Amino acid sequence: MKASERLASRMKLLGTESAFSVLAKAKALEAEGRDIVHLEIGEPDFDTPGHIVEAGCDALRNGHTHYTPSAGVMELREAIARDVAKSRNVPVESGQVVVTPGGKPVMFFSILALVEEGDEVLLPNPSFPIYESMVRFAGGKPVFAPLRQENDFRFDLDEFRAGMSEKTKLVIINSPANPTGGVLAKDDVAGLADILREYPDAFVFSDEIYSRLLFEGEFASIASEDGFSPSGRTIILDGFSKTYAMTGWRLGYGVMPERLAGEVAKLQVNSNSCANAAAQYAGIAALAGPQGSVDDMREEFRERQDIMVSGLNEIPGVECAVPKGAFYVFPRIVGTGHSADELADMLLDEAGVACLSGTGFGKYGEGHLRFSCANSRENIRRALERVGDVLSK
């Protein structure tokens, strides 16, 4: 074997995101002249609000074009600490905040810092695929807690409890959830906290990146439960990509116990040094400025979701629950007679509709597809018509 082909064996443990694979295939079809409706990628299709863009431009003009401290500029860390303390009703200090280039490094670094060979990590399934990928890469063992449509894609507390053991080093929670749009209510979170109190050595990783994209009720964070503040055993992942339509700015953050924050910052030093300087000043403006754009975007996603759910439920063989957050729908398609992989491929090849197979989010995603609502109402209606035409044949 050539030296250039001899990779470390651990590289076989890394997975990927099917969204980017499907996007690449869809773009190739477009290059051939095909008309594709993109419902595969998980990013808001809105522009970053103008005052945030101006703050980023001003930062560049004012010379913020250099390295920053690895954990982020202090002004942003303080702003994040204030925002999280207010929204989760917990004390947070700037020393607990690490600013990262997007949200994924918070997953990557936290799992690398905590999980050792043989440690168990309890995580939802279906869920964001990078959770499982990183757990395996770190040598951990993923243990799955199923999310089912019959339970509004919430944890069954008995199954959750059954997944815990003395080997559990980390528990991952995501609400509102990708890919299901499921949301954990306050009673759900309280029930999880009761179980987790029986395992005081297990850390909790709460992915709250969609916390501002909630369609009903109040957001419930496990960090608000007694004994689960970020100063103790909880890691909060949040960021600017989804809330402020800033995916390309690459700006996220983790809030965690201060000692762990130091180790996460050390991992950042050894990888990407720091987040983009100008983007960090844009983040300060996002938190401090008007929030109307967030509310407007959420309401638009709600309207699009209603169109998507209604249209899918009119197609024979498809059953779509109403999501309570994020900007995805996760319809059950077992009645079509096709597997998730088969139908996702068929819809792209025959209908020009790009969506994702539920199996890309784990084994319990079989029988489902994920459609993103991050496209115009007109395009969503076109996609629904095309899906209906293909399945009526």
Protein backbone atom coordinates (compact mmCIF):
# COMPACT_ATOMS: atom_id res chain seq x y z
CA MET A 1 0.00 0.00 0.00
CA LYS A 2 1.24 3.47 -0.87
CA ALA A 3 2.15 5.73 2.03
CA SER A 4 -0.53 8.18 0.90
CA GLU A 5 -3.18 5.47 1.37
CA ARG A 6 -2.16 4.39 4.86
CA LEU A 7 -4.61 6.18 7.11
CA ALA A 8 -4.95 5.79 10.86
CA SER A 9 -7.47 3.07 11.67
CA ARG A 10 -9.55 5.49 13.75
CA MET A 11 -10.55 7.30 10.55
CA LYS A 12 -12.86 4.38 9.81
CA LEU A 13 -14.87 5.34 12.89
CA LEU A 14 -15.81 8.80 11.61
CA GLY A 15 -19.18 9.20 9.95
CA THR A 16 -20.51 12.16 8.02
CA GLU A 17 -23.66 14.20 7.45
CA SER A 18 -25.88 12.83 4.72
CA ALA A 19 -27.17 16.37 4.07
CA PHE A 20 -23.89 17.35 2.46
CA SER A 21 -23.72 14.15 0.40
CA VAL A 22 -27.24 14.67 -0.92
CA LEU A 23 -26.52 18.35 -1.56
CA ALA A 24 -23.51 17.40 -3.67
CA LYS A 25 -25.59 14.94 -5.73
CA ALA A 26 -28.37 17.49 -6.13
CA LYS A 27 -25.91 20.14 -7.30
CA ALA A 28 -24.48 17.68 -9.84
CA LEU A 29 -27.99 17.09 -11.22
CA GLU A 30 -28.52 20.86 -11.43
CA ALA A 31 -25.29 21.16 -13.40
CA GLU A 32 -26.85 18.75 -15.91
CA GLY A 33 -29.84 21.07 -16.28
CA ARG A 34 -32.24 19.42 -13.80
CA ASP A 35 -34.58 21.58 -11.71
CA ILE A 36 -34.09 20.61 -8.05
CA VAL A 37 -36.07 21.77 -5.02
CA HIS A 38 -33.65 21.76 -2.10
CA LEU A 39 -35.22 20.47 1.10
CA GLU A 40 -32.13 18.64 2.33
CA ILE A 41 -29.83 21.21 3.88
CA GLY A 42 -30.35 22.41 7.44
CA GLU A 43 -29.71 26.13 7.33
CA PRO A 44 -32.04 29.14 7.35
CA ASP A 45 -32.56 30.59 3.88
CA PHE A 46 -32.74 34.13 5.28
CA ASP A 47 -30.06 36.80 5.13
CA THR A 48 -28.17 37.69 8.28
CA PRO A 49 -29.88 40.78 9.78
CA GLY A 50 -28.33 44.01 8.54
CA HIS A 51 -27.17 45.37 11.90
CA ILE A 52 -25.19 42.17 12.49
CA VAL A 53 -23.56 42.40 9.06
CA GLU A 54 -22.63 46.04 9.72
CA ALA A 55 -21.08 45.12 13.06
CA GLY A 56 -18.92 42.51 11.33
CA CYS A 57 -17.88 45.00 8.65
CA ASP A 58 -17.09 47.63 11.28
CA ALA A 59 -14.96 45.11 13.14
CA LEU A 60 -12.90 44.50 10.02
CA ARG A 61 -12.51 48.25 9.38
CA ASN A 62 -11.47 48.76 13.00
CA GLY A 63 -8.64 46.28 12.73
CA HIS A 64 -10.18 43.15 14.26
CA THR A 65 -8.38 40.97 11.74
CA HIS A 66 -6.04 39.08 14.06
CA TYR A 67 -6.04 36.20 16.51
CA THR A 68 -8.25 36.47 19.57
CA PRO A 69 -7.93 34.60 22.88
CA SER A 70 -8.67 30.93 22.20
CA ALA A 71 -11.86 30.96 24.28
CA GLY A 72 -13.13 34.11 22.52
CA VAL A 73 -13.04 37.87 23.05
CA MET A 74 -14.07 38.76 26.56
CA GLU A 75 -16.89 41.11 25.46
CA LEU A 76 -18.62 38.26 23.62
CA ARG A 77 -18.05 35.72 26.40
CA GLU A 78 -19.59 38.16 28.90
CA ALA A 79 -22.54 38.81 26.58
CA ILE A 80 -23.13 35.08 26.15
CA ALA A 81 -22.90 34.51 29.91
CA ARG A 82 -25.52 37.20 30.54
CA ASP A 83 -27.82 35.86 27.82
CA VAL A 84 -27.62 32.24 28.99
CA ALA A 85 -28.02 33.22 32.65
CA LYS A 86 -31.19 35.15 31.81
CA SER A 87 -32.73 32.62 29.41
CA ARG A 88 -31.99 29.54 31.56
CA ASN A 89 -32.30 31.26 34.94
CA VAL A 90 -28.92 29.99 36.15
CA PRO A 91 -25.73 31.77 37.22
CA VAL A 92 -23.12 31.80 34.44
CA GLU A 93 -19.65 33.37 34.45
CA SER A 94 -17.62 34.32 31.39
CA GLY A 95 -14.99 31.76 32.40
CA GLN A 96 -17.50 29.01 31.64
CA VAL A 97 -17.92 30.15 28.02
CA VAL A 98 -15.86 28.95 25.06
CA VAL A 99 -16.57 30.55 21.67
CA THR A 100 -16.01 28.22 18.73
CA PRO A 101 -16.19 28.33 14.90
CA GLY A 102 -19.71 26.90 14.72
CA GLY A 103 -21.45 24.54 17.10
CA LYS A 104 -19.80 21.27 16.04
CA PRO A 105 -16.46 21.98 17.78
CA VAL A 106 -18.33 22.11 21.10
CA MET A 107 -19.47 18.52 20.44
CA PHE A 108 -16.07 17.49 19.16
CA PHE A 109 -14.05 19.00 21.99
CA SER A 110 -16.42 18.03 24.81
CA ILE A 111 -16.54 14.40 23.75
CA LEU A 112 -12.76 14.25 23.25
CA ALA A 113 -12.22 15.81 26.67
CA LEU A 114 -14.60 13.45 28.52
CA VAL A 115 -15.04 10.11 26.75
CA GLU A 116 -12.44 7.38 27.01
CA GLU A 117 -12.19 3.89 25.55
CA GLY A 118 -15.15 1.82 26.72
CA ASP A 119 -17.15 4.69 28.22
CA GLU A 120 -20.86 4.63 27.36
CA VAL A 121 -22.68 7.64 25.96
CA LEU A 122 -26.47 7.67 25.96
CA LEU A 123 -27.90 9.59 23.01
CA PRO A 124 -31.22 9.94 21.20
CA ASN A 125 -31.90 8.01 18.02
CA PRO A 126 -32.68 9.33 15.46
CA SER A 127 -30.47 12.34 16.08
CA PHE A 128 -27.78 14.55 14.59
CA PRO A 129 -25.30 12.02 13.16
CA ILE A 130 -22.17 13.74 14.44
CA TYR A 131 -23.01 12.72 18.01
CA GLU A 132 -22.57 9.02 17.27
CA SER A 133 -19.66 9.67 14.94
CA MET A 134 -17.65 11.54 17.56
CA VAL A 135 -18.47 9.08 20.34
CA ARG A 136 -17.11 6.21 18.25
CA PHE A 137 -14.06 8.26 17.21
CA ALA A 138 -13.23 8.89 20.87
CA GLY A 139 -13.48 5.15 21.61
CA GLY A 140 -16.81 5.36 23.41
CA LYS A 141 -19.82 3.12 23.04
CA PRO A 142 -23.05 4.78 21.86
CA VAL A 143 -26.19 3.60 23.66
CA PHE A 144 -29.41 4.62 21.96
CA ALA A 145 -32.61 5.92 23.50
CA PRO A 146 -35.29 5.66 20.76
CA LEU A 147 -37.43 8.61 19.72
CA ARG A 148 -40.74 7.52 18.22
CA GLN A 149 -43.52 9.38 16.45
CA GLU A 150 -46.11 7.79 18.77
CA ASN A 151 -44.47 9.66 21.65
CA ASP A 152 -44.06 12.98 19.80
CA PHE A 153 -40.37 12.12 19.37
CA ARG A 154 -39.75 12.53 23.10
CA PHE A 155 -37.84 10.12 25.30
CA ASP A 156 -39.70 7.23 26.86
CA LEU A 157 -38.40 7.62 30.42
CA ASP A 158 -38.37 3.87 31.06
CA GLU A 159 -36.24 3.28 27.97
CA PHE A 160 -34.03 6.20 28.92
CA ARG A 161 -33.49 4.75 32.38
CA ALA A 162 -32.75 1.32 30.89
CA GLY A 163 -30.00 2.88 28.75
CA MET A 164 -28.15 4.28 31.78
CA SER A 165 -25.45 2.31 33.60
CA GLU A 166 -22.45 2.86 35.83
CA LYS A 167 -20.41 3.08 32.62
CA THR A 168 -22.38 6.08 31.34
CA LYS A 169 -19.94 8.98 31.08
CA LEU A 170 -22.08 11.34 29.05
CA VAL A 171 -25.75 11.82 28.14
CA ILE A 172 -26.72 13.84 25.05
CA ILE A 173 -30.01 15.74 24.84
CA ASN A 174 -31.24 17.81 21.89
CA SER A 175 -34.40 19.93 22.11
CA PRO A 176 -35.83 21.23 19.82
CA ALA A 177 -34.46 18.31 17.90
CA ASN A 178 -32.87 17.63 14.55
CA PRO A 179 -34.21 15.73 12.59
CA THR A 180 -37.61 15.25 14.24
CA GLY A 181 -38.64 18.72 15.38
CA GLY A 182 -39.53 17.12 18.71
CA VAL A 183 -39.43 19.20 21.87
CA LEU A 184 -38.93 18.19 25.50
CA ALA A 185 -41.49 19.87 27.74
CA LYS A 186 -40.62 20.95 31.28
CA ASP A 187 -42.12 17.76 32.73
CA ASP A 188 -39.99 15.67 30.35
CA VAL A 189 -36.85 17.51 31.39
CA ALA A 190 -37.73 17.15 35.08
CA GLY A 191 -38.22 13.41 34.57
CA LEU A 192 -34.83 13.10 32.88
CA ALA A 193 -33.23 15.04 35.72
CA ASP A 194 -34.73 12.67 38.30
CA ILE A 195 -33.18 9.69 36.50
CA LEU A 196 -29.82 11.41 36.01
CA ARG A 197 -29.57 12.24 39.72
CA GLU A 198 -29.12 8.50 40.24
CA TYR A 199 -25.92 8.74 38.15
CA PRO A 200 -24.05 11.75 39.57
CA ASP A 201 -20.83 10.99 37.66
CA ALA A 202 -22.43 11.31 34.22
CA PHE A 203 -22.04 14.61 32.38
CA VAL A 204 -24.99 16.01 30.43
CA PHE A 205 -24.52 17.55 26.98
CA SER A 206 -27.55 19.65 26.05
CA ASP A 207 -27.64 20.71 22.40
CA GLU A 208 -29.86 23.80 22.45
CA ILE A 209 -28.94 25.26 19.06
CA TYR A 210 -32.66 25.52 18.10
CA SER A 211 -33.80 26.93 21.46
CA ARG A 212 -35.14 30.16 19.90
CA LEU A 213 -37.01 28.26 17.16
CA LEU A 214 -39.79 26.93 19.36
CA PHE A 215 -43.37 27.05 18.07
CA GLU A 216 -45.32 26.58 21.28
CA GLY A 217 -44.77 26.74 25.02
CA GLU A 218 -41.60 27.86 26.80
CA PHE A 219 -38.16 26.44 26.18
CA ALA A 220 -37.07 24.00 28.89
CA SER A 221 -33.36 23.46 29.52
CA ILE A 222 -32.04 20.76 31.81
CA ALA A 223 -29.51 23.35 32.96
CA SER A 224 -32.39 25.01 34.82
CA GLU A 225 -33.03 21.91 36.92
CA ASP A 226 -31.55 21.68 40.43
CA GLY A 227 -28.08 20.18 40.28
CA PHE A 228 -27.65 20.59 36.53
CA SER A 229 -26.32 24.10 36.08
CA PRO A 230 -23.34 24.63 33.74
CA SER A 231 -21.18 25.16 36.82
CA GLY A 232 -21.70 21.53 37.77
CA ARG A 233 -22.24 18.75 35.21
CA THR A 234 -24.05 20.24 32.21
CA ILE A 235 -22.60 21.45 28.92
CA ILE A 236 -24.84 23.74 26.86
CA LEU A 237 -24.26 23.99 23.13
CA ASP A 238 -25.79 27.02 21.44
CA GLY A 239 -24.78 29.49 18.78
CA PHE A 240 -25.68 32.02 16.15
CA SER A 241 -26.08 29.92 13.00
CA LYS A 242 -29.74 28.96 13.30
CA THR A 243 -31.07 31.82 15.44
CA TYR A 244 -29.58 34.66 13.43
CA ALA A 245 -29.14 32.99 10.00
CA MET A 246 -25.35 33.09 10.43
CA THR A 247 -24.32 29.61 9.27
CA GLY A 248 -21.50 30.96 7.09
CA TRP A 249 -20.09 33.12 9.87
CA ARG A 250 -19.12 29.97 11.80
CA LEU A 251 -19.88 31.12 15.32
CA GLY A 252 -21.06 28.92 18.17
CA TYR A 253 -20.34 28.47 21.84
CA GLY A 254 -20.32 26.08 24.74
CA VAL A 255 -21.19 26.89 28.36
CA MET A 256 -19.82 24.38 30.85
CA PRO A 257 -17.99 23.90 34.16
CA GLU A 258 -15.03 26.28 34.24
CA ARG A 259 -12.41 23.54 34.57
CA LEU A 260 -13.81 21.75 31.52
CA ALA A 261 -13.94 25.07 29.65
CA GLY A 262 -10.19 25.37 30.15
CA GLU A 263 -9.63 21.93 28.65
CA VAL A 264 -11.95 22.66 25.73
CA ALA A 265 -10.06 25.90 25.08
CA LYS A 266 -6.85 23.88 25.10
CA LEU A 267 -8.27 21.60 22.40
CA GLN A 268 -9.17 24.70 20.41
CA VAL A 269 -5.59 25.98 20.72
CA ASN A 270 -4.39 22.68 19.29
CA SER A 271 -6.83 22.74 16.34
CA ASN A 272 -8.19 26.03 15.01
CA SER A 273 -6.69 28.53 17.51
CA CYS A 274 -9.84 30.67 17.81
CA ALA A 275 -13.07 31.71 16.16
CA ASN A 276 -13.05 34.42 13.49
CA ALA A 277 -12.42 37.80 15.12
CA ALA A 278 -14.88 39.91 13.11
CA ALA A 279 -17.58 37.25 13.45
CA GLN A 280 -17.24 37.46 17.22
CA TYR A 281 -17.98 41.18 17.19
CA ALA A 282 -20.95 40.47 14.94
CA GLY A 283 -22.09 38.00 17.61
CA ILE A 284 -22.03 40.74 20.23
CA ALA A 285 -24.32 42.83 18.02
CA ALA A 286 -26.63 39.84 17.49
CA LEU A 287 -27.17 39.36 21.22
CA ALA A 288 -27.39 43.06 22.08
CA GLY A 289 -29.43 44.25 19.11
CA PRO A 290 -33.10 43.97 18.10
CA GLN A 291 -34.56 40.46 18.12
CA GLY A 292 -37.47 41.03 15.76
CA SER A 293 -35.77 39.20 12.91
CA VAL A 294 -35.61 36.07 15.05
CA ASP A 295 -39.32 36.25 15.76
CA ASP A 296 -40.12 36.91 12.10
CA MET A 297 -38.01 33.97 10.95
CA ARG A 298 -39.62 31.64 13.48
CA GLU A 299 -43.11 32.64 12.37
CA GLU A 300 -42.20 32.12 8.72
CA PHE A 301 -40.88 28.66 9.51
CA ARG A 302 -44.13 27.92 11.34
CA GLU A 303 -46.15 28.91 8.27
CA ARG A 304 -43.97 26.81 5.98
CA GLN A 305 -44.19 23.89 8.38
CA ASP A 306 -47.98 24.06 8.31
CA ILE A 307 -47.93 23.92 4.50
CA MET A 308 -45.49 21.01 4.54
CA VAL A 309 -47.34 18.96 7.16
CA SER A 310 -50.74 19.51 5.57
CA GLY A 311 -49.46 18.65 2.11
CA LEU A 312 -47.61 15.53 3.18
CA ASN A 313 -50.62 14.21 5.08
CA GLU A 314 -52.67 14.42 1.88
CA ILE A 315 -50.29 12.03 0.10
CA PRO A 316 -51.31 8.35 0.40
CA GLY A 317 -48.88 6.33 2.50
CA VAL A 318 -47.38 9.36 4.25
CA GLU A 319 -48.10 10.37 7.84
CA CYS A 320 -46.54 13.55 9.20
CA ALA A 321 -46.69 14.72 12.80
CA VAL A 322 -46.62 18.44 13.58
CA PRO A 323 -43.15 19.47 14.81
CA LYS A 324 -42.97 21.73 17.83
CA GLY A 325 -39.65 23.35 17.00
CA ALA A 326 -36.61 23.69 14.69
CA PHE A 327 -37.39 23.81 10.95
CA TYR A 328 -37.75 20.19 9.88
CA VAL A 329 -40.57 17.73 9.36
CA PHE A 330 -39.97 14.00 9.78
CA PRO A 331 -42.85 12.15 8.09
CA ARG A 332 -43.39 8.41 8.42
CA ILE A 333 -43.43 6.83 4.95
CA VAL A 334 -43.85 3.10 5.68
CA GLY A 335 -47.27 3.18 3.99
CA THR A 336 -45.62 3.92 0.65
CA GLY A 337 -44.04 0.46 0.55
CA HIS A 338 -40.56 1.95 0.15
CA SER A 339 -37.65 2.03 2.55
CA ALA A 340 -36.37 5.45 3.57
CA ASP A 341 -33.24 5.15 1.43
CA GLU A 342 -35.19 3.99 -1.61
CA LEU A 343 -37.74 6.77 -1.40
CA ALA A 344 -35.19 9.53 -0.79
CA ASP A 345 -33.27 8.41 -3.89
CA MET A 346 -36.48 8.11 -5.92
CA LEU A 347 -37.64 11.59 -5.01
CA LEU A 348 -34.32 13.13 -6.03
CA ASP A 349 -33.92 11.14 -9.24
CA GLU A 350 -37.53 11.17 -10.45
CA ALA A 351 -39.08 14.23 -8.81
CA GLY A 352 -36.14 16.58 -8.42
CA VAL A 353 -36.84 16.91 -4.69
CA ALA A 354 -33.79 16.68 -2.44
CA CYS A 355 -34.53 15.35 1.05
CA LEU A 356 -32.82 13.02 3.50
CA SER A 357 -33.41 9.42 4.45
CA GLY A 358 -34.19 8.99 8.13
CA THR A 359 -31.53 6.28 8.34
CA GLY A 360 -28.89 9.00 8.03
CA PHE A 361 -29.86 9.92 11.61
CA GLY A 362 -29.72 6.40 13.04
CA LYS A 363 -31.43 3.05 12.83
CA TYR A 364 -34.65 4.31 14.41
CA GLY A 365 -34.94 6.77 11.53
CA GLU A 366 -35.94 3.96 9.18
CA GLY A 367 -39.41 4.53 7.79
CA HIS A 368 -39.00 8.31 7.84
CA LEU A 369 -37.70 11.12 5.64
CA ARG A 370 -36.46 14.52 6.74
CA PHE A 371 -37.59 17.60 4.84
CA SER A 372 -36.18 21.01 5.70
CA CYS A 373 -38.57 23.96 5.69
CA ALA A 374 -35.70 26.30 4.77
CA ASN A 375 -37.09 27.12 1.34
CA SER A 376 -39.84 29.37 0.04
CA ARG A 377 -43.52 28.55 0.38
CA GLU A 378 -43.74 28.38 -3.41
CA ASN A 379 -40.93 25.85 -3.64
CA ILE A 380 -42.36 23.78 -0.80
CA ARG A 381 -45.70 23.58 -2.66
CA ARG A 382 -43.88 22.58 -5.86
CA ALA A 383 -42.00 19.88 -3.97
CA LEU A 384 -45.20 18.51 -2.43
CA GLU A 385 -46.84 18.32 -5.85
CA ARG A 386 -43.86 16.44 -7.24
CA VAL A 387 -43.74 14.02 -4.32
CA GLY A 388 -47.45 13.32 -4.74
CA ASP A 389 -47.01 12.71 -8.48
CA VAL A 390 -44.20 10.21 -7.96
CA LEU A 391 -46.03 8.27 -5.24
CA SER A 392 -49.26 8.15 -7.23
CA LYS A 393 -47.61 6.21 -10.03
